[in-house]
Amino acid sequence: MIDSHVHLWSPAMAFHQWPGADLPAIHRAYGLADLSDLDPAIDGVILVQAQPDSRETDWLLDLAARDPRIVGVVGWLPLDAADAAAQVARYAARPGLVGLRPMLQAIADPRWILGDALQPALAAMKLHGLSFDALVQPRHLGVLLELAERHPALRIVVDHGAKPAIGGSGDADWRAGIAALGRLPNLWCKLSGLWTEQAPGADRDAVRIYVEHLLHSFPGRVMWGGDWPVLRLSGARHGDWLAFARTIVAATTPAQTPSVFEGAARDAYRLPSSAPPAR
């Protein structure tokens, strides 16, 4: 089993920006030793960037080189830099890098990724086999569709189901946007982060209909992610979210179980077919 979305960070690092002291539940260092907090069913993890700084990408790749449980790293690079294509090529040569994530949700212009300055970096990502992790909100779904249609050879992974407003307004637009993305073969989606999108104290089962829609919209291309330790903001343990997801998948699309919990991540990130040793 692969957890496709795990974060490690250290507030002591010069490049650390988030989380801050305003989030005391997760404002501390999380390193390799803390991977023991993950459910023991997990064999391998994908580390995902949390800071918009290439120094963090270096740090994550160094961690991956030390621990075989880390089967891939989704890093960050300045994709709009003049030398972005060269940076992508250089980092793609490092063992462990499987994708890049530009944190679109924090960029004011939702169409930023479609700008001319980004196209050399996107071309380099395709050339070097890197996936594009899309940290987005529902307002980006149309932009992602345009991006995917422009770059059909670019593998795009939608993080956290595009962060729907659980139980709020806009469900119809989110559902339509997700369904449109799911019709394109170069899109995958992470079943992750949904409990932390809920209001404090909300019924966790309310996310069930969103999970079901993701499973039906991306058949064979949904991958489970713990979003740990951010998941702690919901008050849940890693194993709680895993058990909940396994129950819904088994009840909704049981044939997708192997892909949700391993296969889709291997396909999207071009991981070797053999599983890492269980620990």
C-alpha atoms as a PDB file:
ATOM      1  CA  MET A   1       0.000   0.000   0.000  1.00  0.00           C
ATOM      2  CA  ILE A   2       1.218   3.482  -0.890  1.00  0.00           C
ATOM      3  CA  ASP A   3       0.306   6.720   0.857  1.00  0.00           C
ATOM      4  CA  SER A   4       0.513   9.223  -1.990  1.00  0.00           C
ATOM      5  CA  HIS A   5       0.575  12.370   0.148  1.00  0.00           C
ATOM      6  CA  VAL A   6       2.800  12.786   3.218  1.00  0.00           C
ATOM      7  CA  HIS A   7       4.559  15.922   4.462  1.00  0.00           C
ATOM      8  CA  LEU A   8       7.698  16.321   6.530  1.00  0.00           C
ATOM      9  CA  TRP A   9       8.960  19.704   7.688  1.00  0.00           C
ATOM     10  CA  SER A  10      10.973  21.527  10.307  1.00  0.00           C
ATOM     11  CA  PRO A  11      10.196  25.063  11.540  1.00  0.00           C
ATOM     12  CA  ALA A  12      13.902  25.393  12.337  1.00  0.00           C
ATOM     13  CA  MET A  13      14.793  25.363   8.628  1.00  0.00           C
ATOM     14  CA  ALA A  14      15.547  28.764   7.108  1.00  0.00           C
ATOM     15  CA  PHE A  15      13.111  28.103   4.256  1.00  0.00           C
ATOM     16  CA  HIS A  16      10.170  27.064   6.472  1.00  0.00           C
ATOM     17  CA  GLN A  17       7.030  29.193   6.008  1.00  0.00           C
ATOM     18  CA  TRP A  18       4.076  26.927   6.836  1.00  0.00           C
ATOM     19  CA  PRO A  19       2.637  25.825   9.192  1.00  0.00           C
ATOM     20  CA  GLY A  20       3.105  28.684  11.592  1.00  0.00           C
ATOM     21  CA  ALA A  21       2.505  29.055  15.302  1.00  0.00           C
ATOM     22  CA  ASP A  22      -1.159  29.761  14.567  1.00  0.00           C
ATOM     23  CA  LEU A  23      -1.551  26.003  13.946  1.00  0.00           C
ATOM     24  CA  PRO A  24      -0.133  24.562  17.185  1.00  0.00           C
ATOM     25  CA  ALA A  25      -1.400  21.036  16.443  1.00  0.00           C
ATOM     26  CA  ILE A  26       1.142  20.674  13.628  1.00  0.00           C
ATOM     27  CA  HIS A  27       3.657  23.436  14.330  1.00  0.00           C
ATOM     28  CA  ARG A  28       6.638  21.259  15.167  1.00  0.00           C
ATOM     29  CA  ALA A  29       9.258  19.283  13.315  1.00  0.00           C
ATOM     30  CA  TYR A  30       8.155  16.131  11.502  1.00  0.00           C
ATOM     31  CA  GLY A  31      11.018  13.936  10.364  1.00  0.00           C
ATOM     32  CA  LEU A  32      11.730  10.371   9.374  1.00  0.00           C
ATOM     33  CA  ALA A  33      11.153   9.051  12.890  1.00  0.00           C
ATOM     34  CA  ASP A  34       7.608  10.404  12.791  1.00  0.00           C
ATOM     35  CA  LEU A  35       6.700   8.133   9.889  1.00  0.00           C
ATOM     36  CA  SER A  36       6.013   5.592  12.636  1.00  0.00           C
ATOM     37  CA  ASP A  37       2.728   7.465  13.213  1.00  0.00           C
ATOM     38  CA  LEU A  38       1.439   6.170   9.881  1.00  0.00           C
ATOM     39  CA  ASP A  39      -0.829   3.146   9.805  1.00  0.00           C
ATOM     40  CA  PRO A  40       1.332   0.001   9.732  1.00  0.00           C
ATOM     41  CA  ALA A  41      -0.459  -1.193   6.579  1.00  0.00           C
ATOM     42  CA  ILE A  42       1.433   1.451   4.585  1.00  0.00           C
ATOM     43  CA  ASP A  43       4.526   0.146   2.785  1.00  0.00           C
ATOM     44  CA  GLY A  44       5.675   3.273   0.952  1.00  0.00           C
ATOM     45  CA  VAL A  45       5.021   7.013   0.888  1.00  0.00           C
ATOM     46  CA  ILE A  46       5.247   9.921  -1.518  1.00  0.00           C
ATOM     47  CA  LEU A  47       6.689  13.002   0.174  1.00  0.00           C
ATOM     48  CA  VAL A  48       5.058  16.231  -1.024  1.00  0.00           C
ATOM     49  CA  GLN A  49       6.491  19.726  -0.694  1.00  0.00           C
ATOM     50  CA  ALA A  50       4.990  22.199   1.757  1.00  0.00           C
ATOM     51  CA  GLN A  51       7.266  25.225   1.201  1.00  0.00           C
ATOM     52  CA  PRO A  52       7.626  27.251  -2.027  1.00  0.00           C
ATOM     53  CA  ASP A  53      11.404  26.919  -1.935  1.00  0.00           C
ATOM     54  CA  SER A  54      13.759  24.647  -3.865  1.00  0.00           C
ATOM     55  CA  ARG A  55      15.875  24.211  -0.744  1.00  0.00           C
ATOM     56  CA  GLU A  56      13.031  22.141   0.672  1.00  0.00           C
ATOM     57  CA  THR A  57      13.102  19.999  -2.470  1.00  0.00           C
ATOM     58  CA  ASP A  58      16.784  19.306  -1.802  1.00  0.00           C
ATOM     59  CA  TRP A  59      16.003  18.430   1.819  1.00  0.00           C
ATOM     60  CA  LEU A  60      13.183  16.044   0.875  1.00  0.00           C
ATOM     61  CA  LEU A  61      15.334  14.299  -1.718  1.00  0.00           C
ATOM     62  CA  ASP A  62      18.078  13.868   0.867  1.00  0.00           C
ATOM     63  CA  LEU A  63      15.538  12.275   3.237  1.00  0.00           C
ATOM     64  CA  ALA A  64      14.340   9.964   0.463  1.00  0.00           C
ATOM     65  CA  ALA A  65      17.908   8.813  -0.141  1.00  0.00           C
ATOM     66  CA  ARG A  66      18.114   7.737   3.498  1.00  0.00           C
ATOM     67  CA  ASP A  67      14.817   5.867   3.851  1.00  0.00           C
ATOM     68  CA  PRO A  68      13.481   3.173   1.481  1.00  0.00           C
ATOM     69  CA  ARG A  69       9.921   3.782   2.683  1.00  0.00           C
ATOM     70  CA  ILE A  70       9.981   6.991   0.647  1.00  0.00           C
ATOM     71  CA  VAL A  71       9.222   5.845  -2.888  1.00  0.00           C
ATOM     72  CA  GLY A  72       9.042   9.322  -4.436  1.00  0.00           C
ATOM     73  CA  VAL A  73       9.219  13.071  -3.843  1.00  0.00           C
ATOM     74  CA  VAL A  74       6.968  15.774  -5.289  1.00  0.00           C
ATOM     75  CA  GLY A  75       9.057  18.914  -4.975  1.00  0.00           C
ATOM     76  CA  TRP A  76       8.831  22.622  -5.768  1.00  0.00           C
ATOM     77  CA  LEU A  77      10.765  24.695  -8.292  1.00  0.00           C
ATOM     78  CA  PRO A  78      10.202  28.264  -9.582  1.00  0.00           C
ATOM     79  CA  LEU A  79       8.458  27.221 -12.793  1.00  0.00           C
ATOM     80  CA  ASP A  80       8.249  30.803 -14.048  1.00  0.00           C
ATOM     81  CA  ALA A  81      12.001  31.458 -13.701  1.00  0.00           C
ATOM     82  CA  ALA A  82      14.004  32.275 -16.819  1.00  0.00           C
ATOM     83  CA  ASP A  83      16.077  29.121 -16.331  1.00  0.00           C
ATOM     84  CA  ALA A  84      13.171  26.934 -15.161  1.00  0.00           C
ATOM     85  CA  ALA A  85      13.623  24.339 -17.905  1.00  0.00           C
ATOM     86  CA  ALA A  86      17.270  23.881 -16.937  1.00  0.00           C
ATOM     87  CA  GLN A  87      16.346  23.598 -13.259  1.00  0.00           C
ATOM     88  CA  VAL A  88      13.715  20.966 -14.061  1.00  0.00           C
ATOM     89  CA  ALA A  89      16.280  18.968 -16.045  1.00  0.00           C
ATOM     90  CA  ARG A  90      18.834  19.185 -13.246  1.00  0.00           C
ATOM     91  CA  TYR A  91      16.454  18.095 -10.504  1.00  0.00           C
ATOM     92  CA  ALA A  92      14.865  15.384 -12.645  1.00  0.00           C
ATOM     93  CA  ALA A  93      18.282  13.717 -12.773  1.00  0.00           C
ATOM     94  CA  ARG A  94      18.281  13.309  -9.007  1.00  0.00           C
ATOM     95  CA  PRO A  95      17.007   9.916  -7.774  1.00  0.00           C
ATOM     96  CA  GLY A  96      13.598  10.095  -6.164  1.00  0.00           C
ATOM     97  CA  LEU A  97      12.011  13.125  -7.795  1.00  0.00           C
ATOM     98  CA  VAL A  98       8.699  12.083  -9.380  1.00  0.00           C
ATOM     99  CA  GLY A  99       6.819  15.373  -9.689  1.00  0.00           C
ATOM    100  CA  LEU A 100       6.580  19.089  -8.995  1.00  0.00           C
ATOM    101  CA  ARG A 101       3.898  21.166  -7.281  1.00  0.00           C
ATOM    102  CA  PRO A 102       3.640  24.945  -7.737  1.00  0.00           C
ATOM    103  CA  MET A 103       0.938  25.505  -5.025  1.00  0.00           C
ATOM    104  CA  LEU A 104      -1.611  27.083  -7.351  1.00  0.00           C
ATOM    105  CA  GLN A 105      -4.117  27.749  -4.560  1.00  0.00           C
ATOM    106  CA  ALA A 106      -1.823  30.442  -3.105  1.00  0.00           C
ATOM    107  CA  ILE A 107      -1.370  32.305  -6.416  1.00  0.00           C
ATOM    108  CA  ALA A 108      -3.811  35.180  -6.911  1.00  0.00           C
ATOM    109  CA  ASP A 109      -4.207  34.724 -10.654  1.00  0.00           C
ATOM    110  CA  PRO A 110      -6.026  31.398 -11.215  1.00  0.00           C
ATOM    111  CA  ARG A 111      -4.778  31.360 -14.827  1.00  0.00           C
ATOM    112  CA  TRP A 112      -1.117  31.831 -13.878  1.00  0.00           C
ATOM    113  CA  ILE A 113      -0.153  28.316 -14.926  1.00  0.00           C
ATOM    114  CA  LEU A 114      -1.353  28.993 -18.491  1.00  0.00           C
ATOM    115  CA  GLY A 115       1.009  31.938 -18.974  1.00  0.00           C
ATOM    116  CA  ASP A 116       3.738  31.912 -21.617  1.00  0.00           C
ATOM    117  CA  ALA A 117       6.497  32.075 -18.990  1.00  0.00           C
ATOM    118  CA  LEU A 118       5.457  28.663 -17.615  1.00  0.00           C
ATOM    119  CA  GLN A 119       5.460  26.742 -20.868  1.00  0.00           C
ATOM    120  CA  PRO A 120       9.213  25.917 -21.049  1.00  0.00           C
ATOM    121  CA  ALA A 121       9.060  24.390 -17.558  1.00  0.00           C
ATOM    122  CA  LEU A 122       5.959  22.347 -18.413  1.00  0.00           C
ATOM    123  CA  ALA A 123       7.637  21.107 -21.591  1.00  0.00           C
ATOM    124  CA  ALA A 124      10.696  20.112 -19.547  1.00  0.00           C
ATOM    125  CA  MET A 125       8.503  18.253 -17.052  1.00  0.00           C
ATOM    126  CA  LYS A 126       6.995  16.222 -19.890  1.00  0.00           C
ATOM    127  CA  LEU A 127      10.409  15.589 -21.407  1.00  0.00           C
ATOM    128  CA  HIS A 128      11.851  14.314 -18.138  1.00  0.00           C
ATOM    129  CA  GLY A 129       8.812  12.304 -17.055  1.00  0.00           C
ATOM    130  CA  LEU A 130       7.752  14.393 -14.062  1.00  0.00           C
ATOM    131  CA  SER A 131       4.139  14.635 -12.944  1.00  0.00           C
ATOM    132  CA  PHE A 132       2.386  17.896 -12.142  1.00  0.00           C
ATOM    133  CA  ASP A 133       0.673  17.987  -8.728  1.00  0.00           C
ATOM    134  CA  ALA A 134      -2.161  20.515  -8.754  1.00  0.00           C
ATOM    135  CA  LEU A 135      -2.871  22.018  -5.329  1.00  0.00           C
ATOM    136  CA  VAL A 136      -6.101  23.687  -6.325  1.00  0.00           C
ATOM    137  CA  GLN A 137      -9.551  24.794  -5.258  1.00  0.00           C
ATOM    138  CA  PRO A 138     -12.809  24.496  -7.203  1.00  0.00           C
ATOM    139  CA  ARG A 139     -12.141  27.868  -8.871  1.00  0.00           C
ATOM    140  CA  HIS A 140      -9.225  26.259 -10.729  1.00  0.00           C
ATOM    141  CA  LEU A 141     -11.089  23.342 -12.292  1.00  0.00           C
ATOM    142  CA  GLY A 142     -11.694  25.065 -15.623  1.00  0.00           C
ATOM    143  CA  VAL A 143      -8.058  26.159 -15.760  1.00  0.00           C
ATOM    144  CA  LEU A 144      -6.882  22.616 -15.084  1.00  0.00           C
ATOM    145  CA  LEU A 145      -9.087  21.344 -17.885  1.00  0.00           C
ATOM    146  CA  GLU A 146      -7.524  23.843 -20.274  1.00  0.00           C
ATOM    147  CA  LEU A 147      -4.023  22.940 -19.054  1.00  0.00           C
ATOM    148  CA  ALA A 148      -4.650  19.231 -19.520  1.00  0.00           C
ATOM    149  CA  GLU A 149      -6.066  19.734 -23.017  1.00  0.00           C
ATOM    150  CA  ARG A 150      -3.073  21.871 -24.019  1.00  0.00           C
ATOM    151  CA  HIS A 151      -0.616  19.314 -22.623  1.00  0.00           C
ATOM    152  CA  PRO A 152      -2.087  15.835 -23.137  1.00  0.00           C
ATOM    153  CA  ALA A 153       1.306  14.227 -22.464  1.00  0.00           C
ATOM    154  CA  LEU A 154       1.625  15.913 -19.043  1.00  0.00           C
ATOM    155  CA  ARG A 155       0.457  13.699 -16.187  1.00  0.00           C
ATOM    156  CA  ILE A 156      -1.565  15.877 -13.802  1.00  0.00           C
ATOM    157  CA  VAL A 157      -2.521  14.834 -10.259  1.00  0.00           C
ATOM    158  CA  VAL A 158      -5.334  16.786  -8.586  1.00  0.00           C
ATOM    159  CA  ASP A 159      -4.575  17.062  -4.882  1.00  0.00           C
ATOM    160  CA  HIS A 160      -7.275  16.654  -2.236  1.00  0.00           C
ATOM    161  CA  GLY A 161     -10.120  16.245  -4.712  1.00  0.00           C
ATOM    162  CA  ALA A 162      -9.697  19.960  -5.558  1.00  0.00           C
ATOM    163  CA  LYS A 163     -10.830  20.869  -2.021  1.00  0.00           C
ATOM    164  CA  PRO A 164     -14.622  20.968  -2.347  1.00  0.00           C
ATOM    165  CA  ALA A 165     -16.626  23.011   0.149  1.00  0.00           C
ATOM    166  CA  ILE A 166     -17.932  20.038   2.094  1.00  0.00           C
ATOM    167  CA  GLY A 167     -21.629  20.582   2.764  1.00  0.00           C
ATOM    168  CA  GLY A 168     -21.524  24.115   1.382  1.00  0.00           C
ATOM    169  CA  SER A 169     -22.623  25.857  -1.783  1.00  0.00           C
ATOM    170  CA  GLY A 170     -21.036  25.220  -5.144  1.00  0.00           C
ATOM    171  CA  ASP A 171     -21.358  21.445  -5.099  1.00  0.00           C
ATOM    172  CA  ALA A 172     -22.894  21.340  -8.553  1.00  0.00           C
ATOM    173  CA  ASP A 173     -20.026  23.300 -10.110  1.00  0.00           C
ATOM    174  CA  TRP A 174     -17.445  21.149  -8.318  1.00  0.00           C
ATOM    175  CA  ARG A 175     -19.146  17.942  -9.420  1.00  0.00           C
ATOM    176  CA  ALA A 176     -19.326  19.092 -13.039  1.00  0.00           C
ATOM    177  CA  GLY A 177     -15.714  20.277 -13.041  1.00  0.00           C
ATOM    178  CA  ILE A 178     -14.437  17.039 -11.528  1.00  0.00           C
ATOM    179  CA  ALA A 179     -16.427  14.949 -14.000  1.00  0.00           C
ATOM    180  CA  ALA A 180     -14.979  16.930 -16.921  1.00  0.00           C
ATOM    181  CA  LEU A 181     -11.416  16.416 -15.667  1.00  0.00           C
ATOM    182  CA  GLY A 182     -12.020  12.720 -15.136  1.00  0.00           C
ATOM    183  CA  ARG A 183     -12.847  12.251 -18.807  1.00  0.00           C
ATOM    184  CA  LEU A 184      -9.255  13.100 -19.759  1.00  0.00           C
ATOM    185  CA  PRO A 185      -6.767  10.213 -19.555  1.00  0.00           C
ATOM    186  CA  ASN A 186      -3.849  12.328 -18.320  1.00  0.00           C
ATOM    187  CA  LEU A 187      -5.604  13.298 -15.069  1.00  0.00           C
ATOM    188  CA  TRP A 188      -5.405  11.490 -11.717  1.00  0.00           C
ATOM    189  CA  CYS A 189      -6.947  12.552  -8.424  1.00  0.00           C
ATOM    190  CA  LYS A 190      -5.937  12.147  -4.787  1.00  0.00           C
ATOM    191  CA  LEU A 191      -8.437  10.894  -2.257  1.00  0.00           C
ATOM    192  CA  SER A 192      -6.952  12.997   0.505  1.00  0.00           C
ATOM    193  CA  GLY A 193      -7.434  16.087   2.624  1.00  0.00           C
ATOM    194  CA  LEU A 194     -11.229  16.004   2.713  1.00  0.00           C
ATOM    195  CA  TRP A 195     -11.717  15.842   6.466  1.00  0.00           C
ATOM    196  CA  THR A 196      -9.609  18.958   6.941  1.00  0.00           C
ATOM    197  CA  GLU A 197     -11.918  20.818   4.539  1.00  0.00           C
ATOM    198  CA  GLN A 198     -14.820  20.336   6.940  1.00  0.00           C
ATOM    199  CA  ALA A 199     -15.878  22.750   9.651  1.00  0.00           C
ATOM    200  CA  PRO A 200     -14.750  21.766  13.164  1.00  0.00           C
ATOM    201  CA  GLY A 201     -17.051  19.176  14.668  1.00  0.00           C
ATOM    202  CA  ALA A 202     -18.753  18.346  11.354  1.00  0.00           C
ATOM    203  CA  ASP A 203     -19.953  14.829  10.617  1.00  0.00           C
ATOM    204  CA  ARG A 204     -17.030  13.058   8.968  1.00  0.00           C
ATOM    205  CA  ASP A 205     -19.393  10.808   7.038  1.00  0.00           C
ATOM    206  CA  ALA A 206     -20.537  13.890   5.092  1.00  0.00           C
ATOM    207  CA  VAL A 207     -17.515  13.495   2.820  1.00  0.00           C
ATOM    208  CA  ARG A 208     -18.775  10.110   1.619  1.00  0.00           C
ATOM    209  CA  ILE A 209     -20.689  11.523  -1.369  1.00  0.00           C
ATOM    210  CA  TYR A 210     -17.602  13.473  -2.452  1.00  0.00           C
ATOM    211  CA  VAL A 211     -15.433  10.361  -2.261  1.00  0.00           C
ATOM    212  CA  GLU A 212     -17.993   8.421  -4.294  1.00  0.00           C
ATOM    213  CA  HIS A 213     -18.044  11.125  -6.973  1.00  0.00           C
ATOM    214  CA  LEU A 214     -14.248  11.058  -7.246  1.00  0.00           C
ATOM    215  CA  LEU A 215     -14.224   7.275  -7.578  1.00  0.00           C
ATOM    216  CA  HIS A 216     -16.836   7.337 -10.330  1.00  0.00           C
ATOM    217  CA  SER A 217     -15.234  10.283 -12.163  1.00  0.00           C
ATOM    218  CA  PHE A 218     -11.659   8.914 -12.223  1.00  0.00           C
ATOM    219  CA  PRO A 219     -12.077   5.142 -12.595  1.00  0.00           C
ATOM    220  CA  GLY A 220      -8.727   3.518 -11.913  1.00  0.00           C
ATOM    221  CA  ARG A 221      -7.056   6.924 -11.449  1.00  0.00           C
ATOM    222  CA  VAL A 222      -7.867   7.767  -7.823  1.00  0.00           C
ATOM    223  CA  MET A 223      -5.012   7.376  -5.340  1.00  0.00           C
ATOM    224  CA  TRP A 224      -5.366   7.440  -1.572  1.00  0.00           C
ATOM    225  CA  GLY A 225      -3.343   9.924   0.457  1.00  0.00           C
ATOM    226  CA  GLY A 226      -3.170  10.505   4.185  1.00  0.00           C
ATOM    227  CA  ASP A 227      -2.238  14.207   3.980  1.00  0.00           C
ATOM    228  CA  TRP A 228      -0.385  13.572   7.204  1.00  0.00           C
ATOM    229  CA  PRO A 229       0.356  15.402   9.463  1.00  0.00           C
ATOM    230  CA  VAL A 230      -2.085  18.063   8.179  1.00  0.00           C
ATOM    231  CA  LEU A 231      -4.781  15.465   8.877  1.00  0.00           C
ATOM    232  CA  ARG A 232      -4.196  16.123  12.570  1.00  0.00           C
ATOM    233  CA  LEU A 233      -6.052  19.433  12.176  1.00  0.00           C
ATOM    234  CA  SER A 234      -9.243  17.382  11.827  1.00  0.00           C
ATOM    235  CA  GLY A 235      -8.529  15.553  15.077  1.00  0.00           C
ATOM    236  CA  ALA A 236      -8.154  12.234  13.250  1.00  0.00           C
ATOM    237  CA  ARG A 237      -5.407   9.656  13.232  1.00  0.00           C
ATOM    238  CA  HIS A 238      -3.802   8.449  10.039  1.00  0.00           C
ATOM    239  CA  GLY A 239      -5.414   5.029  10.462  1.00  0.00           C
ATOM    240  CA  ASP A 240      -8.870   6.569  10.942  1.00  0.00           C
ATOM    241  CA  TRP A 241      -8.841   8.145   7.488  1.00  0.00           C
ATOM    242  CA  LEU A 242      -7.370   5.018   5.918  1.00  0.00           C
ATOM    243  CA  ALA A 243     -10.076   2.789   7.422  1.00  0.00           C
ATOM    244  CA  PHE A 244     -12.817   5.209   6.349  1.00  0.00           C
ATOM    245  CA  ALA A 245     -11.527   5.331   2.771  1.00  0.00           C
ATOM    246  CA  ARG A 246     -11.128   1.567   2.555  1.00  0.00           C
ATOM    247  CA  THR A 247     -14.724   1.074   3.679  1.00  0.00           C
ATOM    248  CA  ILE A 248     -16.106   3.487   1.061  1.00  0.00           C
ATOM    249  CA  VAL A 249     -14.009   2.077  -1.765  1.00  0.00           C
ATOM    250  CA  ALA A 250     -15.043  -1.468  -0.853  1.00  0.00           C
ATOM    251  CA  ALA A 251     -18.708  -0.479  -0.833  1.00  0.00           C
ATOM    252  CA  THR A 252     -18.677   1.780  -3.898  1.00  0.00           C
ATOM    253  CA  THR A 253     -16.107   0.518  -6.406  1.00  0.00           C
ATOM    254  CA  PRO A 254     -14.499  -2.610  -4.919  1.00  0.00           C
ATOM    255  CA  ALA A 255     -12.717  -3.428  -8.169  1.00  0.00           C
ATOM    256  CA  GLN A 256     -10.742  -0.190  -7.761  1.00  0.00           C
ATOM    257  CA  THR A 257      -9.240  -1.171  -4.403  1.00  0.00           C
ATOM    258  CA  PRO A 258      -5.823  -2.181  -5.821  1.00  0.00           C
ATOM    259  CA  SER A 259      -5.538   1.007  -7.865  1.00  0.00           C
ATOM    260  CA  VAL A 260      -6.713   3.379  -5.110  1.00  0.00           C
ATOM    261  CA  PHE A 261      -4.247   2.059  -2.571  1.00  0.00           C
ATOM    262  CA  GLU A 262      -1.272   1.368  -4.817  1.00  0.00           C
ATOM    263  CA  GLY A 263      -1.700   1.099  -8.578  1.00  0.00           C
ATOM    264  CA  ALA A 264      -2.818   4.634  -9.419  1.00  0.00           C
ATOM    265  CA  ALA A 265       0.111   6.164  -7.545  1.00  0.00           C
ATOM    266  CA  ARG A 266       2.524   3.866  -9.373  1.00  0.00           C
ATOM    267  CA  ASP A 267       0.991   4.843 -12.725  1.00  0.00           C
ATOM    268  CA  ALA A 268       0.849   8.598 -12.121  1.00  0.00           C
ATOM    269  CA  TYR A 269       4.353   8.840 -10.679  1.00  0.00           C
ATOM    270  CA  ARG A 270       5.922   6.095 -12.817  1.00  0.00           C
ATOM    271  CA  LEU A 271       7.048   4.101  -9.821  1.00  0.00           C
ATOM    272  CA  PRO A 272       8.533   0.630 -10.212  1.00  0.00           C
ATOM    273  CA  SER A 273       5.945  -2.128 -10.281  1.00  0.00           C
ATOM    274  CA  SER A 274       7.431  -4.027  -7.365  1.00  0.00           C
ATOM    275  CA  ALA A 275       6.346  -2.898  -3.932  1.00  0.00           C
ATOM    276  CA  PRO A 276       8.908  -1.752  -1.363  1.00  0.00           C
ATOM    277  CA  PRO A 277       9.494  -4.070   1.594  1.00  0.00           C
ATOM    278  CA  ALA A 278       6.933  -3.836   4.389  1.00  0.00           C
ATOM    279  CA  ARG A 279       8.231  -2.343   7.613  1.00  0.00           C
END
